[in-house]
N, C-alpha and C. Protein backbone atom coordinates (compact mmCIF):
# COMPACT_ATOMS: atom_id res chain seq x y z
N MET A 1 -16.45 16.72 -0.88
CA MET A 1 -18.01 16.80 -0.27
C MET A 1 -18.89 16.53 -1.70
N VAL A 2 -19.76 16.03 -1.53
CA VAL A 2 -20.56 15.76 -2.65
C VAL A 2 -22.07 16.42 -1.71
N ASN A 3 -23.05 17.51 -2.44
CA ASN A 3 -24.35 17.52 -1.41
C ASN A 3 -23.81 17.87 -0.27
N GLY A 4 -22.81 18.39 0.41
CA GLY A 4 -22.34 18.55 1.82
C GLY A 4 -21.84 17.33 2.39
N ASP A 5 -21.87 16.23 1.75
CA ASP A 5 -21.56 14.78 2.62
C ASP A 5 -19.85 14.79 2.33
N PRO A 6 -18.98 13.84 3.15
CA PRO A 6 -17.94 13.85 2.90
C PRO A 6 -18.26 12.49 1.88
N ILE A 7 -16.65 12.27 1.05
CA ILE A 7 -16.45 11.12 0.26
C ILE A 7 -15.39 10.49 0.93
N HIS A 8 -15.53 9.41 1.15
CA HIS A 8 -14.36 8.48 1.69
C HIS A 8 -13.97 7.27 0.47
N PHE A 9 -12.72 7.19 0.47
CA PHE A 9 -11.92 6.53 -0.59
C PHE A 9 -11.20 5.61 0.32
N ARG A 10 -11.66 3.90 -0.23
CA ARG A 10 -11.05 3.02 0.47
C ARG A 10 -10.41 1.94 0.01
N GLY A 11 -9.73 2.35 -0.94
CA GLY A 11 -8.90 1.37 -1.84
C GLY A 11 -7.93 0.34 -0.72
N ARG A 12 -7.34 1.14 0.00
CA ARG A 12 -6.52 0.16 0.58
C ARG A 12 -7.20 -0.82 1.56
N ALA A 13 -7.97 -0.45 2.23
CA ALA A 13 -8.95 -1.63 3.10
C ALA A 13 -9.39 -2.34 2.30
N ILE A 14 -9.92 -2.06 1.13
CA ILE A 14 -10.55 -3.00 -0.02
C ILE A 14 -9.58 -3.98 0.07
N ILE A 15 -8.44 -3.56 -0.52
CA ILE A 15 -7.31 -4.93 -0.48
C ILE A 15 -6.99 -5.45 0.68
N ASP A 16 -6.95 -4.96 1.93
CA ASP A 16 -6.69 -5.40 3.17
C ASP A 16 -8.13 -6.71 3.35
N ALA A 17 -9.17 -6.07 3.21
CA ALA A 17 -10.00 -6.72 3.37
C ALA A 17 -10.24 -8.10 2.42
N VAL A 18 -9.98 -8.13 0.76
CA VAL A 18 -9.68 -9.02 0.04
C VAL A 18 -8.95 -9.99 0.18
N PHE A 19 -7.81 -9.77 1.11
CA PHE A 19 -6.67 -10.59 1.45
C PHE A 19 -7.16 -11.50 2.89
N GLU A 20 -7.59 -10.57 3.50
CA GLU A 20 -7.91 -11.20 4.98
C GLU A 20 -9.27 -12.39 4.39
N THR A 21 -9.90 -12.02 3.47
CA THR A 21 -11.06 -13.13 3.05
C THR A 21 -10.47 -14.33 2.54
N LEU A 22 -9.38 -14.12 1.56
CA LEU A 22 -8.65 -15.07 0.88
C LEU A 22 -8.10 -16.09 1.55
N THR A 23 -7.47 -15.49 2.64
CA THR A 23 -6.64 -16.32 3.97
C THR A 23 -8.15 -16.81 4.78
N GLU A 24 -8.95 -16.55 5.46
CA GLU A 24 -9.90 -16.80 6.14
C GLU A 24 -11.03 -17.90 5.42
N GLN A 25 -11.21 -17.40 4.26
CA GLN A 25 -12.39 -18.14 3.64
C GLN A 25 -11.64 -19.46 2.46
N HIS A 26 -10.61 -19.14 1.92
CA HIS A 26 -10.15 -19.63 0.59
C HIS A 26 -8.70 -19.90 0.95
N ASN A 27 -8.33 -20.45 1.95
CA ASN A 27 -7.34 -21.19 2.17
C ASN A 27 -5.91 -20.65 1.44
N LEU A 28 -5.83 -18.91 1.19
CA LEU A 28 -4.60 -18.70 1.00
C LEU A 28 -3.36 -18.98 1.71
N ALA A 29 -3.69 -19.24 3.01
CA ALA A 29 -2.57 -19.46 4.25
C ALA A 29 -1.67 -20.93 3.99
N ALA A 30 -2.41 -21.63 2.92
CA ALA A 30 -1.56 -22.91 2.43
C ALA A 30 -1.13 -22.57 0.86
N ALA A 31 -0.93 -21.31 0.35
CA ALA A 31 -0.45 -21.19 -0.94
C ALA A 31 0.90 -21.13 -0.80
N ARG A 32 1.30 -21.52 -2.05
CA ARG A 32 2.89 -21.45 -2.41
C ARG A 32 3.31 -20.70 -3.48
N ASN A 33 2.46 -20.77 -4.45
CA ASN A 33 2.65 -19.80 -5.80
C ASN A 33 1.58 -19.14 -5.77
N VAL A 34 1.50 -17.56 -5.93
CA VAL A 34 0.79 -16.82 -6.29
C VAL A 34 0.89 -15.62 -7.49
N LEU A 35 0.00 -15.39 -7.97
CA LEU A 35 0.31 -14.58 -9.31
C LEU A 35 -0.83 -13.46 -8.93
N LEU A 36 -0.35 -12.04 -9.07
CA LEU A 36 -1.30 -11.05 -8.97
C LEU A 36 -1.33 -10.55 -10.41
N THR A 37 -2.60 -10.21 -10.57
CA THR A 37 -2.76 -10.03 -11.86
C THR A 37 -4.00 -9.08 -12.13
N GLY A 38 -4.03 -8.05 -13.16
CA GLY A 38 -5.66 -7.41 -13.67
C GLY A 38 -5.25 -7.15 -14.92
N CYS A 39 -6.61 -6.55 -15.39
CA CYS A 39 -6.67 -5.92 -17.19
C CYS A 39 -6.92 -4.44 -17.11
N SER A 40 -6.35 -3.76 -17.56
CA SER A 40 -6.85 -2.32 -17.55
C SER A 40 -6.55 -1.71 -16.59
N ALA A 41 -7.80 -1.06 -15.86
CA ALA A 41 -7.69 -0.17 -14.35
C ALA A 41 -6.93 -1.50 -13.23
N GLY A 42 -7.55 -2.66 -13.65
CA GLY A 42 -7.15 -3.75 -12.88
C GLY A 42 -5.16 -3.65 -13.01
N GLY A 43 -4.92 -3.87 -14.05
CA GLY A 43 -3.53 -4.01 -14.59
C GLY A 43 -2.91 -2.85 -13.84
N LEU A 44 -3.28 -1.59 -14.02
CA LEU A 44 -2.68 -0.44 -13.17
C LEU A 44 -2.46 -0.54 -11.99
N ALA A 45 -3.68 -1.42 -11.49
CA ALA A 45 -3.63 -1.63 -9.78
C ALA A 45 -2.53 -2.30 -9.52
N THR A 46 -2.15 -3.23 -10.61
CA THR A 46 -1.29 -4.42 -10.50
C THR A 46 0.28 -3.33 -10.28
N TYR A 47 0.34 -2.93 -11.17
CA TYR A 47 1.68 -2.21 -10.85
C TYR A 47 1.67 -1.15 -9.67
N LEU A 48 0.57 -0.87 -9.22
CA LEU A 48 0.54 0.55 -7.93
C LEU A 48 0.57 -0.64 -6.78
N HIS A 49 0.15 -1.72 -6.60
CA HIS A 49 -0.12 -2.41 -5.44
C HIS A 49 0.76 -3.64 -5.32
N ALA A 50 1.68 -3.91 -6.32
CA ALA A 50 2.23 -5.24 -6.20
C ALA A 50 3.03 -5.58 -5.07
N ASP A 51 3.69 -4.67 -4.74
CA ASP A 51 4.95 -4.17 -3.34
C ASP A 51 4.20 -4.68 -2.46
N TYR A 52 2.87 -3.70 -2.13
CA TYR A 52 2.09 -3.95 -0.76
C TYR A 52 1.60 -5.23 -0.67
N VAL A 53 0.63 -6.03 -2.28
CA VAL A 53 0.27 -7.53 -1.64
C VAL A 53 1.28 -8.09 -1.45
N ARG A 54 2.36 -8.17 -1.76
CA ARG A 54 3.41 -9.35 -1.12
C ARG A 54 3.39 -9.18 0.48
N THR A 55 3.13 -7.89 0.90
CA THR A 55 3.22 -7.98 2.35
C THR A 55 2.04 -8.54 3.26
N LEU A 56 0.90 -8.91 2.33
CA LEU A 56 -0.16 -9.48 2.83
C LEU A 56 -0.15 -10.77 2.91
N LEU A 57 0.69 -11.43 2.22
CA LEU A 57 1.02 -13.17 1.66
C LEU A 57 1.23 -13.72 2.72
N PRO A 58 0.69 -15.15 3.15
CA PRO A 58 1.41 -15.62 4.18
C PRO A 58 3.01 -16.35 3.92
N ALA A 59 3.62 -16.69 4.80
CA ALA A 59 5.16 -17.13 4.91
C ALA A 59 4.90 -18.22 3.97
N THR A 60 3.95 -19.04 3.72
CA THR A 60 3.91 -19.98 3.45
C THR A 60 4.57 -20.04 1.30
N VAL A 61 4.05 -18.62 0.89
CA VAL A 61 4.16 -18.43 -0.47
C VAL A 61 5.80 -18.37 -0.78
N ALA A 62 6.15 -19.35 -1.44
CA ALA A 62 7.57 -19.49 -1.86
C ALA A 62 8.11 -18.48 -3.13
N VAL A 63 6.55 -18.28 -4.21
CA VAL A 63 7.13 -17.71 -5.54
C VAL A 63 5.89 -16.97 -5.40
N TYR A 64 6.20 -15.65 -5.61
CA TYR A 64 5.06 -14.63 -5.85
C TYR A 64 5.62 -13.73 -7.28
N LYS A 65 4.50 -13.59 -7.88
CA LYS A 65 4.58 -12.81 -9.52
C LYS A 65 3.76 -11.83 -9.60
N ALA A 66 3.90 -10.74 -10.46
CA ALA A 66 2.94 -9.85 -10.93
C ALA A 66 2.91 -9.87 -12.13
N ALA A 67 1.58 -10.05 -13.32
CA ALA A 67 1.61 -9.75 -14.39
C ALA A 67 0.31 -9.10 -14.67
N ALA A 68 0.58 -7.67 -15.25
CA ALA A 68 -0.39 -6.51 -15.34
C ALA A 68 -0.48 -6.41 -17.04
N ILE A 69 -1.87 -6.87 -17.24
CA ILE A 69 -2.51 -6.57 -18.49
C ILE A 69 -3.20 -5.51 -18.93
N SER A 70 -2.35 -4.69 -19.78
CA SER A 70 -2.96 -3.47 -20.57
C SER A 70 -3.54 -2.52 -19.21
N GLY A 71 -2.52 -2.28 -18.34
CA GLY A 71 -2.58 -1.40 -17.25
C GLY A 71 -1.53 -0.07 -17.67
N PHE A 72 -0.46 -0.45 -18.61
CA PHE A 72 0.46 0.81 -18.75
C PHE A 72 -0.61 2.06 -19.36
N PHE A 73 -0.78 3.15 -18.81
CA PHE A 73 -1.67 4.06 -19.47
C PHE A 73 -0.57 5.47 -19.57
N LEU A 74 -0.18 5.80 -20.83
CA LEU A 74 0.74 6.89 -20.90
C LEU A 74 0.25 8.41 -20.53
N MET A 75 1.16 9.12 -19.75
CA MET A 75 0.49 10.56 -19.23
C MET A 75 1.03 11.20 -20.54
N HIS A 76 -0.13 11.16 -21.46
CA HIS A 76 0.46 12.37 -22.74
C HIS A 76 -1.25 13.04 -22.95
N ASP A 77 -0.87 13.88 -23.94
CA ASP A 77 -1.93 14.91 -24.45
C ASP A 77 -2.88 14.16 -25.34
N THR A 78 -4.16 14.75 -25.46
CA THR A 78 -5.25 14.18 -26.31
C THR A 78 -4.75 14.51 -27.54
N VAL A 79 -5.30 13.95 -28.67
CA VAL A 79 -5.09 14.37 -30.30
C VAL A 79 -5.10 15.77 -30.43
N GLU A 80 -5.81 16.82 -29.43
CA GLU A 80 -6.19 18.27 -29.44
C GLU A 80 -5.13 19.16 -28.73
N GLY A 81 -4.34 18.04 -28.05
CA GLY A 81 -3.00 18.81 -27.66
C GLY A 81 -3.68 19.38 -25.93
N LYS A 82 -4.49 18.70 -25.77
CA LYS A 82 -4.82 19.02 -24.44
C LYS A 82 -4.16 18.00 -23.33
N ALA A 83 -3.95 18.27 -22.02
CA ALA A 83 -3.29 17.41 -20.91
C ALA A 83 -4.65 16.90 -20.05
N VAL A 84 -5.40 16.47 -20.69
CA VAL A 84 -6.84 15.93 -20.12
C VAL A 84 -6.31 14.59 -18.66
N TYR A 85 -5.93 13.94 -19.35
CA TYR A 85 -5.65 12.50 -18.62
C TYR A 85 -4.64 12.89 -17.51
N PRO A 86 -3.58 13.40 -17.77
CA PRO A 86 -2.61 13.64 -16.53
C PRO A 86 -3.54 14.63 -15.69
N SER A 87 -4.44 15.85 -15.93
CA SER A 87 -5.29 16.49 -15.11
C SER A 87 -5.97 15.61 -14.35
N GLU A 88 -6.56 14.74 -14.86
CA GLU A 88 -7.38 13.94 -14.00
C GLU A 88 -6.82 13.03 -12.98
N MET A 89 -5.59 12.64 -13.37
CA MET A 89 -5.03 12.03 -12.58
C MET A 89 -4.17 12.69 -11.30
N LYS A 90 -4.32 13.78 -11.35
CA LYS A 90 -3.59 14.30 -10.75
C LYS A 90 -4.76 15.00 -9.82
N THR A 91 -5.93 15.30 -10.47
CA THR A 91 -7.10 15.29 -9.09
C THR A 91 -7.53 14.38 -8.79
N ILE A 92 -7.60 13.26 -8.96
CA ILE A 92 -7.96 12.26 -8.14
C ILE A 92 -6.87 11.98 -6.90
N PHE A 93 -5.86 12.15 -7.41
CA PHE A 93 -4.76 11.93 -6.50
C PHE A 93 -5.13 13.10 -5.20
N SER A 94 -4.87 13.84 -5.56
CA SER A 94 -5.50 15.15 -4.25
C SER A 94 -6.66 14.82 -3.78
N LEU A 95 -7.90 14.46 -4.35
CA LEU A 95 -9.03 14.22 -3.77
C LEU A 95 -9.15 12.98 -3.30
N ALA A 96 -8.33 11.74 -3.44
CA ALA A 96 -8.49 10.71 -2.84
C ALA A 96 -7.38 10.68 -1.94
N ASN A 97 -6.63 11.71 -1.67
CA ASN A 97 -5.65 11.68 -0.61
C ASN A 97 -4.62 10.04 -0.69
N SER A 98 -4.20 10.01 -2.06
CA SER A 98 -3.66 8.96 -2.26
C SER A 98 -2.29 8.75 -1.98
N THR A 99 -1.30 9.43 -1.15
CA THR A 99 -0.06 9.44 -0.94
C THR A 99 0.00 8.09 -0.16
N SER A 100 -0.63 7.63 0.43
CA SER A 100 -0.28 6.51 1.11
C SER A 100 -1.06 5.05 0.74
N GLY A 101 -1.32 5.26 -0.14
CA GLY A 101 -2.00 4.30 -1.30
C GLY A 101 -1.08 3.74 -2.66
N LEU A 102 0.07 4.47 -2.79
CA LEU A 102 0.79 4.36 -3.90
C LEU A 102 2.09 3.70 -3.30
N ASN A 103 2.70 3.51 -4.34
CA ASN A 103 4.05 2.74 -3.81
C ASN A 103 5.06 3.76 -3.05
N ALA A 104 5.22 3.58 -1.87
CA ALA A 104 6.06 4.28 -0.90
C ALA A 104 7.23 4.95 -1.68
N ALA A 105 8.04 3.93 -2.20
CA ALA A 105 9.35 4.35 -2.56
C ALA A 105 8.85 5.54 -3.79
N CYS A 106 8.30 5.43 -4.63
CA CYS A 106 7.98 6.43 -5.69
C CYS A 106 7.46 7.64 -5.30
N VAL A 107 6.73 7.51 -4.03
CA VAL A 107 6.29 8.93 -3.21
C VAL A 107 7.47 9.60 -2.84
N ALA A 108 8.16 8.86 -2.12
CA ALA A 108 9.41 9.26 -1.21
C ALA A 108 10.31 10.02 -2.24
N ASP A 109 10.61 9.75 -3.63
CA ASP A 109 11.64 10.02 -4.31
C ASP A 109 10.98 11.32 -5.18
N LYS A 110 9.86 11.55 -5.02
CA LYS A 110 9.55 12.41 -6.11
C LYS A 110 9.75 14.13 -5.75
N VAL A 111 10.28 14.66 -6.66
CA VAL A 111 11.05 16.01 -6.45
C VAL A 111 11.12 17.02 -7.54
N PRO A 112 10.38 17.54 -7.33
CA PRO A 112 10.18 18.96 -6.15
C PRO A 112 8.83 18.05 -5.71
N ALA A 113 8.28 18.41 -4.35
CA ALA A 113 7.27 17.95 -3.76
C ALA A 113 6.35 18.69 -4.58
N GLY A 114 5.06 17.94 -4.35
CA GLY A 114 4.03 17.98 -5.69
C GLY A 114 3.96 17.05 -6.59
N ASP A 115 4.76 16.68 -6.84
CA ASP A 115 4.83 15.51 -8.35
C ASP A 115 4.38 14.33 -7.58
N GLU A 116 4.04 14.00 -6.40
CA GLU A 116 4.04 12.48 -5.69
C GLU A 116 2.67 12.24 -6.34
N TRP A 117 1.58 12.87 -7.03
CA TRP A 117 0.51 12.43 -7.95
C TRP A 117 1.18 11.49 -9.29
N GLN A 118 2.37 11.68 -9.64
CA GLN A 118 3.16 11.02 -11.04
C GLN A 118 2.96 9.53 -10.66
N CYS A 119 2.81 9.04 -9.77
CA CYS A 119 3.17 7.92 -8.82
C CYS A 119 1.78 6.95 -9.24
N ASN A 120 0.90 7.65 -9.78
CA ASN A 120 -0.19 6.83 -10.38
C ASN A 120 -0.25 6.27 -11.61
N PHE A 121 0.63 6.17 -12.22
CA PHE A 121 1.12 6.13 -13.60
C PHE A 121 2.12 4.86 -13.36
N ALA A 122 1.72 3.84 -14.14
CA ALA A 122 2.37 2.46 -14.15
C ALA A 122 4.08 2.56 -14.40
N GLN A 123 4.30 3.60 -15.65
CA GLN A 123 5.64 3.87 -15.46
C GLN A 123 6.51 4.50 -14.14
N GLU A 124 6.26 5.40 -13.71
CA GLU A 124 6.47 5.73 -12.66
C GLU A 124 6.80 4.51 -11.38
N SER A 125 5.55 3.96 -11.00
CA SER A 125 5.61 3.32 -9.74
C SER A 125 6.31 2.12 -10.31
N TYR A 126 6.33 1.60 -11.46
CA TYR A 126 7.08 0.55 -12.14
C TYR A 126 8.86 0.26 -11.28
N LYS A 127 9.27 1.33 -11.80
CA LYS A 127 10.53 1.84 -11.59
C LYS A 127 11.02 1.37 -10.04
N TYR A 128 10.14 1.48 -9.25
CA TYR A 128 10.45 1.27 -7.60
C TYR A 128 9.86 -0.24 -7.37
N THR A 129 9.41 -0.79 -8.18
CA THR A 129 8.74 -2.05 -7.73
C THR A 129 9.78 -3.22 -7.58
N ARG A 130 9.76 -3.71 -6.65
CA ARG A 130 10.46 -4.89 -6.24
C ARG A 130 10.12 -6.48 -6.77
N THR A 131 8.89 -6.55 -7.00
CA THR A 131 8.03 -7.70 -7.16
C THR A 131 8.36 -8.21 -8.53
N PRO A 132 8.88 -9.45 -9.00
CA PRO A 132 8.95 -9.81 -10.15
C PRO A 132 7.89 -9.76 -11.02
N PHE A 133 7.92 -9.00 -12.24
CA PHE A 133 7.26 -8.47 -13.19
C PHE A 133 6.83 -9.15 -14.58
N PHE A 134 5.97 -9.24 -15.23
CA PHE A 134 5.66 -9.46 -16.53
C PHE A 134 4.28 -8.81 -16.98
N ALA A 135 4.74 -7.92 -17.90
CA ALA A 135 3.91 -6.88 -18.47
C ALA A 135 3.53 -7.16 -19.63
N LEU A 136 2.41 -7.27 -19.89
CA LEU A 136 1.66 -7.38 -21.21
C LEU A 136 0.52 -6.54 -21.44
N ASN A 137 1.05 -5.45 -22.93
CA ASN A 137 -0.07 -4.52 -23.00
C ASN A 137 0.30 -4.38 -24.49
N SER A 138 -0.98 -4.02 -24.95
CA SER A 138 -1.17 -3.94 -26.37
C SER A 138 -0.68 -2.42 -26.44
N ALA A 139 -0.61 -1.82 -27.74
CA ALA A 139 -0.26 -0.17 -27.71
C ALA A 139 -1.16 0.71 -27.50
N LEU A 140 -2.45 0.13 -27.77
CA LEU A 140 -3.75 0.89 -27.52
C LEU A 140 -4.70 0.01 -26.94
N ASP A 141 -5.72 0.17 -25.91
CA ASP A 141 -6.67 -0.70 -25.26
C ASP A 141 -7.83 0.34 -25.88
N SER A 142 -9.03 -0.25 -25.74
CA SER A 142 -10.11 0.41 -26.28
C SER A 142 -10.11 1.87 -25.40
N TRP A 143 -10.14 1.51 -24.23
CA TRP A 143 -10.18 2.70 -23.04
C TRP A 143 -9.50 3.80 -23.38
N GLN A 144 -8.08 3.33 -23.63
CA GLN A 144 -7.40 4.58 -23.72
C GLN A 144 -7.37 5.40 -24.89
N THR A 145 -7.92 4.71 -26.35
CA THR A 145 -8.14 5.16 -27.43
C THR A 145 -9.12 6.19 -27.16
N LEU A 146 -10.32 5.91 -26.60
CA LEU A 146 -11.72 6.85 -26.67
C LEU A 146 -11.38 7.87 -25.20
N CYS A 147 -10.72 7.52 -24.24
CA CYS A 147 -11.06 8.23 -23.08
C CYS A 147 -9.88 9.29 -22.74
N ILE A 148 -8.46 8.49 -23.74
CA ILE A 148 -7.11 9.54 -23.11
C ILE A 148 -6.67 10.16 -24.54
N TYR A 149 -6.61 9.36 -25.65
CA TYR A 149 -6.33 9.87 -26.79
C TYR A 149 -7.21 11.33 -27.18
N THR A 150 -8.75 10.67 -27.18
CA THR A 150 -9.49 12.12 -27.78
C THR A 150 -10.40 12.40 -26.89
N ARG A 151 -10.41 12.04 -25.29
CA ARG A 151 -11.05 12.47 -24.50
C ARG A 151 -12.58 12.57 -24.56
N TYR A 152 -12.91 11.90 -25.16
CA TYR A 152 -14.45 11.47 -25.22
C TYR A 152 -14.63 10.18 -24.88
N CYS A 153 -14.98 10.01 -23.83
CA CYS A 153 -15.06 8.25 -23.32
C CYS A 153 -16.20 8.10 -23.32
N LEU A 154 -16.57 6.68 -24.05
CA LEU A 154 -17.75 6.28 -24.74
C LEU A 154 -18.21 4.86 -23.50
N SER A 155 -19.23 4.44 -23.66
CA SER A 155 -19.54 3.12 -22.83
C SER A 155 -19.17 2.01 -24.23
N LEU A 156 -18.65 1.05 -23.72
CA LEU A 156 -18.21 0.02 -24.68
C LEU A 156 -19.11 -1.14 -24.25
């Protein structure tokens, strides 16, 4: 709730709408080869949703692969030894009720119950991904350096 108003997260609905639009208005129904890709947060989304996106593609698609660019953000402490990023990811998982929006096999395999939030990380989701993948990741991207290592997110 923000100022008494409920907050709605529509990530899965947005993915569905994008692929519906691509099919109806941009001839995705005739596609034979599809590459799903994204960079930074989009790279993370590529890891998290590659298998789901496959279910949205038409039967004409013979080759489907994913290529994430700088979407692999490690679950580690800041230079001050604080677990800020993992804590933030756990909070957003709960706030957005993300269970149904992540890799279902990853979520189902998390034991003990309560660790499902870890499926927000590429390294966790990727273990369960069936889509052929090409990962391209620098050791550190600018957002990761500023917002995860040091915890001081600056505008770039």
